[in-house]
Amino acid sequence: MNYDNYIDAPVFDMNGDKIGSISHLYYTVDEHMPEWATMCSGLFGVNKHFVPLWDSHETEDGVVIINVTEEMVKNTPSVED
């Protein structure tokens, strides 16, 4: 799978709600697969949160579906660039 398509991809939560877009991927050392991503959300995409990518998948139209809810993401600390 080519994970380069994940960058700037829209992110939807497990309930089907759009919650942001992916800004950066964090890969495992041994498997070369992304396990985490930072996601831009909020007005103008100024909030960044870590989201898990295990059990996530990309749809044919380039949407990334993650296995958490928007509420779970909003309750995590935000990060700065």
C-alpha atoms as a PDB file:
ATOM      1  CA  MET A   1       0.000   0.000   0.000  1.00  0.00           C
ATOM      2  CA  ASN A   2       1.231   3.497  -0.843  1.00  0.00           C
ATOM      3  CA  TYR A   3       0.754   5.676   2.216  1.00  0.00           C
ATOM      4  CA  ASP A   4       1.915   8.833   0.410  1.00  0.00           C
ATOM      5  CA  ASN A   5      -1.744   9.283  -0.588  1.00  0.00           C
ATOM      6  CA  TYR A   6      -2.619   9.792   3.078  1.00  0.00           C
ATOM      7  CA  ILE A   7      -0.940  13.235   3.255  1.00  0.00           C
ATOM      8  CA  ASP A   8      -3.624  15.950   3.012  1.00  0.00           C
ATOM      9  CA  ALA A   9      -6.313  13.262   2.701  1.00  0.00           C
ATOM     10  CA  PRO A  10      -9.621  13.995   4.387  1.00  0.00           C
ATOM     11  CA  VAL A  11     -10.139  12.014   7.593  1.00  0.00           C
ATOM     12  CA  PHE A  12     -13.463  10.575   8.687  1.00  0.00           C
ATOM     13  CA  ASP A  13     -14.093   8.983  12.055  1.00  0.00           C
ATOM     14  CA  MET A  14     -15.680   5.593  12.675  1.00  0.00           C
ATOM     15  CA  ASN A  15     -19.138   7.236  12.629  1.00  0.00           C
ATOM     16  CA  GLY A  16     -18.625   8.682   9.151  1.00  0.00           C
ATOM     17  CA  ASP A  17     -18.075  12.288  10.273  1.00  0.00           C
ATOM     18  CA  LYS A  18     -15.370  14.346   8.572  1.00  0.00           C
ATOM     19  CA  ILE A  19     -12.996  15.460  11.303  1.00  0.00           C
ATOM     20  CA  GLY A  20      -9.946  16.883   9.505  1.00  0.00           C
ATOM     21  CA  SER A  21      -7.074  16.027   7.179  1.00  0.00           C
ATOM     22  CA  ILE A  22      -3.740  14.258   7.654  1.00  0.00           C
ATOM     23  CA  SER A  23      -0.667  16.462   7.887  1.00  0.00           C
ATOM     24  CA  HIS A  24       2.139  14.028   8.804  1.00  0.00           C
ATOM     25  CA  LEU A  25       2.695  10.278   9.128  1.00  0.00           C
ATOM     26  CA  TYR A  26       4.748   8.500  11.803  1.00  0.00           C
ATOM     27  CA  TYR A  27       6.166   5.138  10.681  1.00  0.00           C
ATOM     28  CA  THR A  28       7.280   2.023  12.531  1.00  0.00           C
ATOM     29  CA  VAL A  29      10.967   1.295  12.246  1.00  0.00           C
ATOM     30  CA  ASP A  30      10.673  -2.392  11.441  1.00  0.00           C
ATOM     31  CA  GLU A  31       7.589  -2.613   9.226  1.00  0.00           C
ATOM     32  CA  HIS A  32       7.790   0.761   7.465  1.00  0.00           C
ATOM     33  CA  MET A  33       4.085   1.296   7.985  1.00  0.00           C
ATOM     34  CA  PRO A  34       2.531   4.389   9.529  1.00  0.00           C
ATOM     35  CA  GLU A  35       1.011   3.772  12.963  1.00  0.00           C
ATOM     36  CA  TRP A  36       0.177   7.377  13.858  1.00  0.00           C
ATOM     37  CA  ALA A  37      -0.588  10.584  12.032  1.00  0.00           C
ATOM     38  CA  THR A  38      -1.083  14.187  12.952  1.00  0.00           C
ATOM     39  CA  MET A  39      -4.394  15.504  11.766  1.00  0.00           C
ATOM     40  CA  CYS A  40      -5.345  19.146  11.170  1.00  0.00           C
ATOM     41  CA  SER A  41      -8.808  20.042  12.405  1.00  0.00           C
ATOM     42  CA  GLY A  42     -10.886  22.979  13.493  1.00  0.00           C
ATOM     43  CA  LEU A  43     -11.422  26.312  11.838  1.00  0.00           C
ATOM     44  CA  PHE A  44      -8.664  26.838   9.240  1.00  0.00           C
ATOM     45  CA  GLY A  45      -7.010  23.559  10.289  1.00  0.00           C
ATOM     46  CA  VAL A  46      -5.052  25.168  13.121  1.00  0.00           C
ATOM     47  CA  ASN A  47      -5.549  22.333  15.632  1.00  0.00           C
ATOM     48  CA  LYS A  48      -3.303  19.277  15.266  1.00  0.00           C
ATOM     49  CA  HIS A  49      -3.905  16.027  17.089  1.00  0.00           C
ATOM     50  CA  PHE A  50      -2.297  12.599  16.945  1.00  0.00           C
ATOM     51  CA  VAL A  51      -4.599   9.903  15.614  1.00  0.00           C
ATOM     52  CA  PRO A  52      -3.934   6.142  15.481  1.00  0.00           C
ATOM     53  CA  LEU A  53      -3.830   4.537  12.046  1.00  0.00           C
ATOM     54  CA  TRP A  54      -4.135   0.872  13.016  1.00  0.00           C
ATOM     55  CA  ASP A  55      -7.374  -0.500  11.587  1.00  0.00           C
ATOM     56  CA  SER A  56      -7.647   2.553   9.317  1.00  0.00           C
ATOM     57  CA  HIS A  57      -8.225   2.296   5.603  1.00  0.00           C
ATOM     58  CA  GLU A  58      -8.370   4.473   2.525  1.00  0.00           C
ATOM     59  CA  THR A  59     -11.450   4.518   0.320  1.00  0.00           C
ATOM     60  CA  GLU A  60     -11.328   4.571  -3.475  1.00  0.00           C
ATOM     61  CA  ASP A  61     -11.932   8.322  -3.461  1.00  0.00           C
ATOM     62  CA  GLY A  62      -8.962   9.040  -1.151  1.00  0.00           C
ATOM     63  CA  VAL A  63     -10.732   9.349   2.193  1.00  0.00           C
ATOM     64  CA  VAL A  64      -9.004   7.905   5.252  1.00  0.00           C
ATOM     65  CA  ILE A  65     -11.344   6.246   7.762  1.00  0.00           C
ATOM     66  CA  ILE A  66      -9.909   5.916  11.284  1.00  0.00           C
ATOM     67  CA  ASN A  67     -11.179   3.634  14.034  1.00  0.00           C
ATOM     68  CA  VAL A  68     -11.860   6.348  16.643  1.00  0.00           C
ATOM     69  CA  THR A  69     -14.569   8.960  17.143  1.00  0.00           C
ATOM     70  CA  GLU A  70     -14.317  12.719  16.716  1.00  0.00           C
ATOM     71  CA  GLU A  71     -14.941  13.107  20.445  1.00  0.00           C
ATOM     72  CA  MET A  72     -11.955  10.885  21.236  1.00  0.00           C
ATOM     73  CA  VAL A  73      -9.714  12.997  18.989  1.00  0.00           C
ATOM     74  CA  LYS A  74     -10.959  16.285  20.446  1.00  0.00           C
ATOM     75  CA  ASN A  75     -10.123  15.052  23.957  1.00  0.00           C
ATOM     76  CA  THR A  76      -6.467  14.448  23.130  1.00  0.00           C
ATOM     77  CA  PRO A  77      -3.838  17.153  23.617  1.00  0.00           C
ATOM     78  CA  SER A  78      -3.113  19.232  20.544  1.00  0.00           C
ATOM     79  CA  VAL A  79       0.439  19.538  19.186  1.00  0.00           C
ATOM     80  CA  GLU A  80       2.323  22.360  17.535  1.00  0.00           C
ATOM     81  CA  ASP A  81       4.551  22.222  14.469  1.00  0.00           C
END
